[in-house]
Amino acid sequence: MVRQQYNEAAKLIGAHLQKNPNDIHALYTLATIEQTRILDYESYTIDGKRFIVLSDSIRKVLDNRLRSLSGQDSVAALFYSANLLGGIGLIQAKCGEWFTGARNAMASVNALKQIKRIDPGHLGAELGIGAFDYYFGTSFKWIPFVSGNVERGIEAVDRSLNAPFPFDYAAKSTYCWILIDRKQYKKADSIAHSVLSRNPDNTVFLRIRALIALWSGCYKSALPFGEKVITLAEKRTPVNWSDLVMGYYIVIRCHEHFGRKNEALAAAQKALAIQIPAEYRNIPHVKDNLKYISDINSKYNRAQSR
């Protein structure tokens, strides 16, 4: 999963579940693989409904199993069910279903708080609670009856960095975006760098470093990061269209900054010639990046024709 080989990971879990159909940890991992893939490809509107169906079916199994479980297995089943509900809420919010997403997120957090009462040291639960507190305290204050505590949320996510895998991996990604949101680029870059030192081709954290370099004006670093994002996006099966467009956007922005008009135009023409599926073109930031690329193409084409 960290290597972003989601189909292979799902096959391994599927084979395990055929022999161990009652393994609640494997059932949850199956949904985690799918959610991680959607977050990676940013395909919320494309694959979100399938994830929700999968998560709902796994939650039913977990909730039924809870009646016969005790001890740590009971806590694990409750935690997995709460996390799946939180994942459903996230996908719904990303697809514009704000109120439904908020309702499911709140129900998820209430269950995670119950887990914390049972097991105060549960760092996986800290991640979900912290992310809820931060994002609902900053971005969703307009939703009635929903409130978060920004600083408390940051502290909880920080603590969750020490959670067991895969929650530490998710915590690092979440924490990076929170730090970026707060313009703490150096700290976010350090965390992303630590992950890439072990997994140098992980595009989840590579794009974090690429965007930090761009947004902080470090164009000399942003350019090779952008080029690597393009190369890795093209190698993925299927192609990561979101990353591919973002990579070209970064490369063109860098050429623009350095006044390299020919290079910017060549990159723009190459990007616009790619046959990107319509559903990915409609992802908001992909659409915005393509507009910028198209504007650069038109600008320098007009300059050449004079």
C-alpha atoms as a PDB file:
ATOM      1  CA  MET A   1       0.000   0.000   0.000  1.00  0.00           C
ATOM      2  CA  VAL A   2       2.840   2.435   0.824  1.00  0.00           C
ATOM      3  CA  ARG A   3       4.362   1.506  -2.536  1.00  0.00           C
ATOM      4  CA  GLN A   4       0.981   2.432  -4.064  1.00  0.00           C
ATOM      5  CA  GLN A   5       0.491  -1.016  -5.590  1.00  0.00           C
ATOM      6  CA  TYR A   6      -3.175  -1.094  -4.677  1.00  0.00           C
ATOM      7  CA  ASN A   7      -4.347  -3.890  -6.982  1.00  0.00           C
ATOM      8  CA  GLU A   8      -1.611  -6.193  -5.705  1.00  0.00           C
ATOM      9  CA  ALA A   9      -2.388  -5.285  -2.099  1.00  0.00           C
ATOM     10  CA  ALA A  10      -6.103  -5.982  -2.627  1.00  0.00           C
ATOM     11  CA  LYS A  11      -5.308  -9.369  -4.204  1.00  0.00           C
ATOM     12  CA  LEU A  12      -3.155 -10.345  -1.226  1.00  0.00           C
ATOM     13  CA  ILE A  13      -5.896  -9.384   1.231  1.00  0.00           C
ATOM     14  CA  GLY A  14      -8.536 -11.104  -0.911  1.00  0.00           C
ATOM     15  CA  ALA A  15      -6.533 -14.339  -0.929  1.00  0.00           C
ATOM     16  CA  HIS A  16      -6.126 -14.122   2.854  1.00  0.00           C
ATOM     17  CA  LEU A  17      -9.857 -13.534   3.360  1.00  0.00           C
ATOM     18  CA  GLN A  18     -10.737 -16.606   1.299  1.00  0.00           C
ATOM     19  CA  LYS A  19      -8.923 -18.681   3.902  1.00  0.00           C
ATOM     20  CA  ASN A  20      -9.819 -16.483   6.888  1.00  0.00           C
ATOM     21  CA  PRO A  21     -13.220 -14.894   6.144  1.00  0.00           C
ATOM     22  CA  ASN A  22     -13.731 -13.832   9.774  1.00  0.00           C
ATOM     23  CA  ASP A  23     -10.510 -11.819  10.024  1.00  0.00           C
ATOM     24  CA  ILE A  24     -11.817  -8.340  10.920  1.00  0.00           C
ATOM     25  CA  HIS A  25      -8.357  -6.796  10.495  1.00  0.00           C
ATOM     26  CA  ALA A  26      -8.137  -8.006   6.903  1.00  0.00           C
ATOM     27  CA  LEU A  27     -11.691  -6.831   6.167  1.00  0.00           C
ATOM     28  CA  TYR A  28     -10.839  -3.346   7.366  1.00  0.00           C
ATOM     29  CA  THR A  29      -7.559  -3.359   5.419  1.00  0.00           C
ATOM     30  CA  LEU A  30      -9.516  -4.103   2.236  1.00  0.00           C
ATOM     31  CA  ALA A  31     -11.443  -0.846   2.671  1.00  0.00           C
ATOM     32  CA  THR A  32      -8.286   1.018   3.713  1.00  0.00           C
ATOM     33  CA  ILE A  33      -6.567   0.038   0.466  1.00  0.00           C
ATOM     34  CA  GLU A  34      -9.498   1.379  -1.551  1.00  0.00           C
ATOM     35  CA  GLN A  35      -9.733   4.611   0.418  1.00  0.00           C
ATOM     36  CA  THR A  36      -5.978   5.204   0.123  1.00  0.00           C
ATOM     37  CA  ARG A  37      -6.184   4.634  -3.633  1.00  0.00           C
ATOM     38  CA  ILE A  38      -9.021   7.170  -3.956  1.00  0.00           C
ATOM     39  CA  LEU A  39      -7.120   9.741  -1.892  1.00  0.00           C
ATOM     40  CA  ASP A  40      -4.020   9.118  -4.011  1.00  0.00           C
ATOM     41  CA  TYR A  41      -5.799   9.433  -7.382  1.00  0.00           C
ATOM     42  CA  GLU A  42      -8.177  12.096  -5.990  1.00  0.00           C
ATOM     43  CA  SER A  43     -10.978  10.157  -7.661  1.00  0.00           C
ATOM     44  CA  TYR A  44     -13.655  10.942  -5.071  1.00  0.00           C
ATOM     45  CA  THR A  45     -16.407  11.661  -7.589  1.00  0.00           C
ATOM     46  CA  ILE A  46     -15.386   8.717  -9.785  1.00  0.00           C
ATOM     47  CA  ASP A  47     -14.862   5.910  -7.255  1.00  0.00           C
ATOM     48  CA  GLY A  48     -16.515   7.318  -4.143  1.00  0.00           C
ATOM     49  CA  LYS A  49     -19.840   5.497  -4.444  1.00  0.00           C
ATOM     50  CA  ARG A  50     -18.116   2.135  -4.783  1.00  0.00           C
ATOM     51  CA  PHE A  51     -16.072   2.837  -1.662  1.00  0.00           C
ATOM     52  CA  ILE A  52     -19.201   3.783   0.277  1.00  0.00           C
ATOM     53  CA  VAL A  53     -20.928   0.528  -0.726  1.00  0.00           C
ATOM     54  CA  LEU A  54     -17.850  -1.494   0.254  1.00  0.00           C
ATOM     55  CA  SER A  55     -17.476   0.329   3.576  1.00  0.00           C
ATOM     56  CA  ASP A  56     -21.160  -0.044   4.441  1.00  0.00           C
ATOM     57  CA  SER A  57     -21.017  -3.791   3.809  1.00  0.00           C
ATOM     58  CA  ILE A  58     -17.878  -4.191   5.939  1.00  0.00           C
ATOM     59  CA  ARG A  59     -19.394  -2.078   8.732  1.00  0.00           C
ATOM     60  CA  LYS A  60     -22.406  -4.401   8.840  1.00  0.00           C
ATOM     61  CA  VAL A  61     -20.104  -7.395   9.270  1.00  0.00           C
ATOM     62  CA  LEU A  62     -18.103  -5.623  11.986  1.00  0.00           C
ATOM     63  CA  ASP A  63     -21.210  -4.456  13.836  1.00  0.00           C
ATOM     64  CA  ASN A  64     -22.617  -7.994  13.771  1.00  0.00           C
ATOM     65  CA  ARG A  65     -19.314  -9.416  15.003  1.00  0.00           C
ATOM     66  CA  LEU A  66     -19.189  -6.918  17.888  1.00  0.00           C
ATOM     67  CA  ARG A  67     -21.859  -8.894  19.732  1.00  0.00           C
ATOM     68  CA  SER A  68     -19.561 -11.886  20.089  1.00  0.00           C
ATOM     69  CA  LEU A  69     -16.238 -10.066  20.581  1.00  0.00           C
ATOM     70  CA  SER A  70     -14.572  -8.904  23.776  1.00  0.00           C
ATOM     71  CA  GLY A  71     -11.390  -7.212  24.923  1.00  0.00           C
ATOM     72  CA  GLN A  72      -9.025  -5.810  22.278  1.00  0.00           C
ATOM     73  CA  ASP A  73     -10.918  -7.499  19.431  1.00  0.00           C
ATOM     74  CA  SER A  74     -14.046  -5.614  20.471  1.00  0.00           C
ATOM     75  CA  VAL A  75     -12.148  -2.308  20.586  1.00  0.00           C
ATOM     76  CA  ALA A  76     -10.609  -3.038  17.177  1.00  0.00           C
ATOM     77  CA  ALA A  77     -13.990  -3.782  15.574  1.00  0.00           C
ATOM     78  CA  LEU A  78     -15.490  -0.608  17.022  1.00  0.00           C
ATOM     79  CA  PHE A  79     -12.479   1.417  15.865  1.00  0.00           C
ATOM     80  CA  TYR A  80     -12.612  -0.002  12.348  1.00  0.00           C
ATOM     81  CA  SER A  81     -16.333   0.659  12.073  1.00  0.00           C
ATOM     82  CA  ALA A  82     -15.862   4.248  13.273  1.00  0.00           C
ATOM     83  CA  ASN A  83     -13.003   4.839  10.835  1.00  0.00           C
ATOM     84  CA  LEU A  84     -15.018   3.472   7.929  1.00  0.00           C
ATOM     85  CA  LEU A  85     -17.873   5.805   8.813  1.00  0.00           C
ATOM     86  CA  GLY A  86     -15.394   8.684   8.932  1.00  0.00           C
ATOM     87  CA  GLY A  87     -14.079   7.657   5.510  1.00  0.00           C
ATOM     88  CA  ILE A  88     -17.626   7.647   4.140  1.00  0.00           C
ATOM     89  CA  GLY A  89     -18.169  11.135   5.570  1.00  0.00           C
ATOM     90  CA  LEU A  90     -14.945  12.372   3.949  1.00  0.00           C
ATOM     91  CA  ILE A  91     -15.896  11.031   0.525  1.00  0.00           C
ATOM     92  CA  GLN A  92     -19.376  12.541   0.824  1.00  0.00           C
ATOM     93  CA  ALA A  93     -17.939  15.938   1.760  1.00  0.00           C
ATOM     94  CA  LYS A  94     -15.467  15.767  -1.152  1.00  0.00           C
ATOM     95  CA  CYS A  95     -18.420  15.074  -3.462  1.00  0.00           C
ATOM     96  CA  GLY A  96     -20.359  18.081  -2.172  1.00  0.00           C
ATOM     97  CA  GLU A  97     -22.693  16.220   0.194  1.00  0.00           C
ATOM     98  CA  TRP A  98     -21.697  18.490   3.073  1.00  0.00           C
ATOM     99  CA  PHE A  99     -24.469  17.858   5.560  1.00  0.00           C
ATOM    100  CA  THR A 100     -24.540  14.083   5.112  1.00  0.00           C
ATOM    101  CA  GLY A 101     -20.753  13.990   5.273  1.00  0.00           C
ATOM    102  CA  ALA A 102     -20.703  16.129   8.418  1.00  0.00           C
ATOM    103  CA  ARG A 103     -23.327  13.959  10.092  1.00  0.00           C
ATOM    104  CA  ASN A 104     -21.340  10.784   9.406  1.00  0.00           C
ATOM    105  CA  ALA A 105     -18.101  12.440  10.486  1.00  0.00           C
ATOM    106  CA  MET A 106     -19.661  13.488  13.783  1.00  0.00           C
ATOM    107  CA  ALA A 107     -20.989   9.973  14.388  1.00  0.00           C
ATOM    108  CA  SER A 108     -17.531   8.601  13.616  1.00  0.00           C
ATOM    109  CA  VAL A 109     -15.840  10.976  16.062  1.00  0.00           C
ATOM    110  CA  ASN A 110     -18.347  10.155  18.807  1.00  0.00           C
ATOM    111  CA  ALA A 111     -17.445   6.464  18.393  1.00  0.00           C
ATOM    112  CA  LEU A 112     -13.720   7.302  18.412  1.00  0.00           C
ATOM    113  CA  LYS A 113     -14.183   9.260  21.636  1.00  0.00           C
ATOM    114  CA  GLN A 114     -15.878   6.197  23.107  1.00  0.00           C
ATOM    115  CA  ILE A 115     -12.786   4.192  22.165  1.00  0.00           C
ATOM    116  CA  LYS A 116     -10.583   6.784  23.870  1.00  0.00           C
ATOM    117  CA  ARG A 117     -12.610   6.375  27.047  1.00  0.00           C
ATOM    118  CA  ILE A 118     -12.014   2.624  26.891  1.00  0.00           C
ATOM    119  CA  ASP A 119      -8.374   2.937  25.805  1.00  0.00           C
ATOM    120  CA  PRO A 120      -6.967   6.432  26.530  1.00  0.00           C
ATOM    121  CA  GLY A 121      -3.708   5.618  24.724  1.00  0.00           C
ATOM    122  CA  HIS A 122      -5.344   4.669  21.414  1.00  0.00           C
ATOM    123  CA  LEU A 123      -3.330   6.775  18.930  1.00  0.00           C
ATOM    124  CA  GLY A 124      -5.306   5.617  15.899  1.00  0.00           C
ATOM    125  CA  ALA A 125      -8.417   7.186  17.401  1.00  0.00           C
ATOM    126  CA  GLU A 126      -6.421  10.378  18.036  1.00  0.00           C
ATOM    127  CA  LEU A 127      -5.928  10.793  14.280  1.00  0.00           C
ATOM    128  CA  GLY A 128      -9.622  10.736  13.439  1.00  0.00           C
ATOM    129  CA  ILE A 129     -10.585  13.000  16.336  1.00  0.00           C
ATOM    130  CA  GLY A 130      -7.743  15.413  15.601  1.00  0.00           C
ATOM    131  CA  ALA A 131      -8.502  15.673  11.878  1.00  0.00           C
ATOM    132  CA  PHE A 132     -12.173  16.301  12.681  1.00  0.00           C
ATOM    133  CA  ASP A 133     -11.344  19.010  15.230  1.00  0.00           C
ATOM    134  CA  TYR A 134      -8.945  20.779  12.882  1.00  0.00           C
ATOM    135  CA  TYR A 135     -10.927  20.733   9.647  1.00  0.00           C
ATOM    136  CA  PHE A 136     -14.306  21.356  11.199  1.00  0.00           C
ATOM    137  CA  GLY A 137     -12.754  24.132  13.264  1.00  0.00           C
ATOM    138  CA  THR A 138     -11.354  25.844  10.167  1.00  0.00           C
ATOM    139  CA  SER A 139     -13.236  24.914   7.010  1.00  0.00           C
ATOM    140  CA  PHE A 140     -16.731  23.868   8.115  1.00  0.00           C
ATOM    141  CA  LYS A 141     -17.702  26.399  10.774  1.00  0.00           C
ATOM    142  CA  TRP A 142     -20.717  27.360   8.667  1.00  0.00           C
ATOM    143  CA  ILE A 143     -22.362  23.926   9.120  1.00  0.00           C
ATOM    144  CA  PRO A 144     -24.949  24.128  11.947  1.00  0.00           C
ATOM    145  CA  PHE A 145     -24.279  22.143  15.143  1.00  0.00           C
ATOM    146  CA  VAL A 146     -20.752  21.248  13.991  1.00  0.00           C
ATOM    147  CA  SER A 147     -17.738  22.608  15.823  1.00  0.00           C
ATOM    148  CA  GLY A 148     -14.083  21.763  16.156  1.00  0.00           C
ATOM    149  CA  ASN A 149     -11.092  22.944  18.130  1.00  0.00           C
ATOM    150  CA  VAL A 150      -8.188  23.797  15.815  1.00  0.00           C
ATOM    151  CA  GLU A 151      -5.305  23.719  18.291  1.00  0.00           C
ATOM    152  CA  ARG A 152      -6.640  20.618  20.029  1.00  0.00           C
ATOM    153  CA  GLY A 153      -6.939  18.960  16.635  1.00  0.00           C
ATOM    154  CA  ILE A 154      -3.342  19.758  15.683  1.00  0.00           C
ATOM    155  CA  GLU A 155      -2.076  18.357  18.982  1.00  0.00           C
ATOM    156  CA  ALA A 156      -4.052  15.134  18.490  1.00  0.00           C
ATOM    157  CA  VAL A 157      -2.776  14.608  14.936  1.00  0.00           C
ATOM    158  CA  ASP A 158       0.766  15.308  16.160  1.00  0.00           C
ATOM    159  CA  ARG A 159       0.402  12.575  18.802  1.00  0.00           C
ATOM    160  CA  SER A 160      -0.984  10.161  16.195  1.00  0.00           C
ATOM    161  CA  LEU A 161       2.326  10.283  14.296  1.00  0.00           C
ATOM    162  CA  ASN A 162       3.409   7.565  16.736  1.00  0.00           C
ATOM    163  CA  ALA A 163       0.415   5.319  15.962  1.00  0.00           C
ATOM    164  CA  PRO A 164       1.056   1.818  14.581  1.00  0.00           C
ATOM    165  CA  PHE A 165       1.084   1.305  10.798  1.00  0.00           C
ATOM    166  CA  PRO A 166      -0.913   2.192   8.698  1.00  0.00           C
ATOM    167  CA  PHE A 167      -2.242   4.975  10.920  1.00  0.00           C
ATOM    168  CA  ASP A 168       1.189   6.605  11.305  1.00  0.00           C
ATOM    169  CA  TYR A 169       1.406   6.797   7.497  1.00  0.00           C
ATOM    170  CA  ALA A 170      -2.025   8.435   7.273  1.00  0.00           C
ATOM    171  CA  ALA A 171      -1.132  10.743  10.168  1.00  0.00           C
ATOM    172  CA  LYS A 172       2.003  11.995   8.397  1.00  0.00           C
ATOM    173  CA  SER A 173       0.036  12.859   5.266  1.00  0.00           C
ATOM    174  CA  THR A 174      -2.720  14.567   7.276  1.00  0.00           C
ATOM    175  CA  TYR A 175      -0.220  16.481   9.394  1.00  0.00           C
ATOM    176  CA  CYS A 176       1.685  17.670   6.308  1.00  0.00           C
ATOM    177  CA  TRP A 177      -1.471  19.185   4.806  1.00  0.00           C
ATOM    178  CA  ILE A 178      -2.393  20.828   8.102  1.00  0.00           C
ATOM    179  CA  LEU A 179       1.093  22.356   8.319  1.00  0.00           C
ATOM    180  CA  ILE A 180       0.851  23.525   4.701  1.00  0.00           C
ATOM    181  CA  ASP A 181      -2.527  25.060   5.479  1.00  0.00           C
ATOM    182  CA  ARG A 182      -0.806  26.996   8.272  1.00  0.00           C
ATOM    183  CA  LYS A 183       2.135  27.972   6.010  1.00  0.00           C
ATOM    184  CA  GLN A 184       4.566  25.894   8.087  1.00  0.00           C
ATOM    185  CA  TYR A 185       6.286  24.642   4.963  1.00  0.00           C
ATOM    186  CA  LYS A 186       9.656  23.722   6.482  1.00  0.00           C
ATOM    187  CA  LYS A 187       8.155  21.332   9.036  1.00  0.00           C
ATOM    188  CA  ALA A 188       5.829  19.733   6.474  1.00  0.00           C
ATOM    189  CA  ASP A 189       8.707  19.301   4.033  1.00  0.00           C
ATOM    190  CA  SER A 190      10.786  17.604   6.732  1.00  0.00           C
ATOM    191  CA  ILE A 191       8.045  15.050   7.420  1.00  0.00           C
ATOM    192  CA  ALA A 192       7.543  14.362   3.700  1.00  0.00           C
ATOM    193  CA  HIS A 193      11.302  14.018   3.233  1.00  0.00           C
ATOM    194  CA  SER A 194      11.478  11.453   6.054  1.00  0.00           C
ATOM    195  CA  VAL A 195       8.906   9.254   4.276  1.00  0.00           C
ATOM    196  CA  LEU A 196      10.609   9.637   0.894  1.00  0.00           C
ATOM    197  CA  SER A 197      13.987   8.696   2.370  1.00  0.00           C
ATOM    198  CA  ARG A 198      12.517   5.196   2.826  1.00  0.00           C
ATOM    199  CA  ASN A 199      10.134   5.181  -0.150  1.00  0.00           C
ATOM    200  CA  PRO A 200      11.625   7.578  -2.738  1.00  0.00           C
ATOM    201  CA  ASP A 201       8.913   6.985  -5.362  1.00  0.00           C
ATOM    202  CA  ASN A 202       5.930   7.580  -3.096  1.00  0.00           C
ATOM    203  CA  THR A 203       4.022  10.235  -5.037  1.00  0.00           C
ATOM    204  CA  VAL A 204       1.713  11.073  -2.116  1.00  0.00           C
ATOM    205  CA  PHE A 205       4.643  12.702  -0.318  1.00  0.00           C
ATOM    206  CA  LEU A 206       6.551  13.664  -3.475  1.00  0.00           C
ATOM    207  CA  ARG A 207       3.722  15.947  -4.557  1.00  0.00           C
ATOM    208  CA  ILE A 208       3.677  17.453  -1.068  1.00  0.00           C
ATOM    209  CA  ARG A 209       7.358  18.373  -1.432  1.00  0.00           C
ATOM    210  CA  ALA A 210       6.803  19.584  -4.995  1.00  0.00           C
ATOM    211  CA  LEU A 211       3.959  21.907  -4.011  1.00  0.00           C
ATOM    212  CA  ILE A 212       5.811  23.186  -0.936  1.00  0.00           C
ATOM    213  CA  ALA A 213       8.806  24.063  -3.146  1.00  0.00           C
ATOM    214  CA  LEU A 214       6.532  25.853  -5.634  1.00  0.00           C
ATOM    215  CA  TRP A 215       4.458  27.742  -3.059  1.00  0.00           C
ATOM    216  CA  SER A 216       7.522  28.815  -1.076  1.00  0.00           C
ATOM    217  CA  GLY A 217       9.242  30.123  -4.221  1.00  0.00           C
ATOM    218  CA  CYS A 218      11.984  27.450  -4.383  1.00  0.00           C
ATOM    219  CA  TYR A 219      11.649  27.007  -8.147  1.00  0.00           C
ATOM    220  CA  LYS A 220      15.015  25.289  -8.593  1.00  0.00           C
ATOM    221  CA  SER A 221      13.772  22.476  -6.345  1.00  0.00           C
ATOM    222  CA  ALA A 222      10.191  22.546  -7.622  1.00  0.00           C
ATOM    223  CA  LEU A 223      11.210  21.885 -11.250  1.00  0.00           C
ATOM    224  CA  PRO A 224      12.895  18.470 -10.730  1.00  0.00           C
ATOM    225  CA  PHE A 225      10.142  17.522  -8.276  1.00  0.00           C
ATOM    226  CA  GLY A 226       7.529  18.336 -10.929  1.00  0.00           C
ATOM    227  CA  GLU A 227       9.403  16.374 -13.570  1.00  0.00           C
ATOM    228  CA  LYS A 228       9.606  13.348 -11.283  1.00  0.00           C
ATOM    229  CA  VAL A 229       5.882  13.586 -10.512  1.00  0.00           C
ATOM    230  CA  ILE A 230       5.193  13.447 -14.277  1.00  0.00           C
ATOM    231  CA  THR A 231       7.484  10.447 -14.808  1.00  0.00           C
ATOM    232  CA  LEU A 232       6.006   8.462 -11.921  1.00  0.00           C
ATOM    233  CA  ALA A 233       2.394   9.385 -12.811  1.00  0.00           C
ATOM    234  CA  GLU A 234       2.899   8.041 -16.336  1.00  0.00           C
ATOM    235  CA  LYS A 235       4.303   4.759 -15.000  1.00  0.00           C
ATOM    236  CA  ARG A 236       1.325   4.072 -12.745  1.00  0.00           C
ATOM    237  CA  THR A 237      -1.306   1.523 -13.770  1.00  0.00           C
ATOM    238  CA  PRO A 238      -3.687   3.156 -14.323  1.00  0.00           C
ATOM    239  CA  VAL A 239      -2.037   6.504 -14.991  1.00  0.00           C
ATOM    240  CA  ASN A 240      -2.493   8.985 -12.170  1.00  0.00           C
ATOM    241  CA  TRP A 241      -4.060  11.754 -14.257  1.00  0.00           C
ATOM    242  CA  SER A 242      -4.357  14.144 -11.334  1.00  0.00           C
ATOM    243  CA  ASP A 243      -0.634  13.882 -10.574  1.00  0.00           C
ATOM    244  CA  LEU A 244       0.273  14.051 -14.263  1.00  0.00           C
ATOM    245  CA  VAL A 245      -1.533  17.364 -14.800  1.00  0.00           C
ATOM    246  CA  MET A 246      -0.202  18.758 -11.515  1.00  0.00           C
ATOM    247  CA  GLY A 247       3.353  17.811 -12.530  1.00  0.00           C
ATOM    248  CA  TYR A 248       3.039  19.687 -15.828  1.00  0.00           C
ATOM    249  CA  TYR A 249       1.510  22.650 -14.015  1.00  0.00           C
ATOM    250  CA  ILE A 250       4.534  22.824 -11.675  1.00  0.00           C
ATOM    251  CA  VAL A 251       7.047  22.432 -14.509  1.00  0.00           C
ATOM    252  CA  ILE A 252       5.390  25.160 -16.591  1.00  0.00           C
ATOM    253  CA  ARG A 253       5.157  27.520 -13.608  1.00  0.00           C
ATOM    254  CA  CYS A 254       8.888  27.039 -13.033  1.00  0.00           C
ATOM    255  CA  HIS A 255       9.800  27.700 -16.672  1.00  0.00           C
ATOM    256  CA  GLU A 256       7.601  30.788 -16.549  1.00  0.00           C
ATOM    257  CA  HIS A 257       9.422  32.033 -13.451  1.00  0.00           C
ATOM    258  CA  PHE A 258      12.818  31.614 -15.114  1.00  0.00           C
ATOM    259  CA  GLY A 259      11.606  33.301 -18.328  1.00  0.00           C
ATOM    260  CA  ARG A 260      12.056  30.156 -20.412  1.00  0.00           C
ATOM    261  CA  LYS A 261       9.170  30.765 -22.806  1.00  0.00           C
ATOM    262  CA  ASN A 262      10.044  28.036 -25.306  1.00  0.00           C
ATOM    263  CA  GLU A 263      10.300  25.394 -22.596  1.00  0.00           C
ATOM    264  CA  ALA A 264       7.025  26.549 -21.032  1.00  0.00           C
ATOM    265  CA  LEU A 265       5.252  26.393 -24.393  1.00  0.00           C
ATOM    266  CA  ALA A 266       6.690  22.958 -25.225  1.00  0.00           C
ATOM    267  CA  ALA A 267       5.576  21.549 -21.872  1.00  0.00           C
ATOM    268  CA  ALA A 268       2.112  23.114 -22.263  1.00  0.00           C
ATOM    269  CA  GLN A 269       1.655  21.646 -25.743  1.00  0.00           C
ATOM    270  CA  LYS A 270       2.773  18.229 -24.520  1.00  0.00           C
ATOM    271  CA  ALA A 271       0.346  18.361 -21.599  1.00  0.00           C
ATOM    272  CA  LEU A 272      -2.597  19.464 -23.734  1.00  0.00           C
ATOM    273  CA  ALA A 273      -1.954  16.640 -26.232  1.00  0.00           C
ATOM    274  CA  ILE A 274      -2.516  13.987 -23.555  1.00  0.00           C
ATOM    275  CA  GLN A 275      -5.846  12.157 -23.799  1.00  0.00           C
ATOM    276  CA  ILE A 276      -7.100  12.635 -20.244  1.00  0.00           C
ATOM    277  CA  PRO A 277     -10.412  10.897 -19.437  1.00  0.00           C
ATOM    278  CA  ALA A 278     -13.296  13.373 -19.150  1.00  0.00           C
ATOM    279  CA  GLU A 279     -14.135  12.378 -15.560  1.00  0.00           C
ATOM    280  CA  TYR A 280     -10.627  13.349 -14.446  1.00  0.00           C
ATOM    281  CA  ARG A 281     -10.715  16.600 -16.390  1.00  0.00           C
ATOM    282  CA  ASN A 282     -13.730  17.562 -14.277  1.00  0.00           C
ATOM    283  CA  ILE A 283     -11.883  17.255 -10.947  1.00  0.00           C
ATOM    284  CA  PRO A 284     -11.789  20.926  -9.794  1.00  0.00           C
ATOM    285  CA  HIS A 285      -8.047  21.381  -9.325  1.00  0.00           C
ATOM    286  CA  VAL A 286      -7.300  19.367 -12.486  1.00  0.00           C
ATOM    287  CA  LYS A 287      -9.641  21.681 -14.379  1.00  0.00           C
ATOM    288  CA  ASP A 288      -7.913  24.732 -12.864  1.00  0.00           C
ATOM    289  CA  ASN A 289      -4.439  23.427 -13.728  1.00  0.00           C
ATOM    290  CA  LEU A 290      -5.483  22.612 -17.289  1.00  0.00           C
ATOM    291  CA  LYS A 291      -6.886  26.127 -17.683  1.00  0.00           C
ATOM    292  CA  TYR A 292      -3.558  27.605 -16.593  1.00  0.00           C
ATOM    293  CA  ILE A 293      -1.709  25.309 -19.020  1.00  0.00           C
ATOM    294  CA  SER A 294      -4.110  26.237 -21.834  1.00  0.00           C
ATOM    295  CA  ASP A 295      -3.676  29.957 -21.088  1.00  0.00           C
ATOM    296  CA  ILE A 296       0.120  29.608 -21.263  1.00  0.00           C
ATOM    297  CA  ASN A 297      -0.204  27.757 -24.565  1.00  0.00           C
ATOM    298  CA  SER A 298      -2.412  30.501 -26.025  1.00  0.00           C
ATOM    299  CA  LYS A 299      -0.194  33.288 -24.665  1.00  0.00           C
ATOM    300  CA  TYR A 300       3.035  32.010 -26.227  1.00  0.00           C
ATOM    301  CA  ASN A 301       1.383  30.840 -29.425  1.00  0.00           C
ATOM    302  CA  ARG A 302       0.100  34.387 -29.957  1.00  0.00           C
ATOM    303  CA  ALA A 303       3.560  35.778 -29.212  1.00  0.00           C
ATOM    304  CA  GLN A 304       5.139  33.490 -31.803  1.00  0.00           C
ATOM    305  CA  SER A 305       2.598  34.406 -34.495  1.00  0.00           C
ATOM    306  CA  ARG A 306       3.310  38.143 -34.277  1.00  0.00           C
END
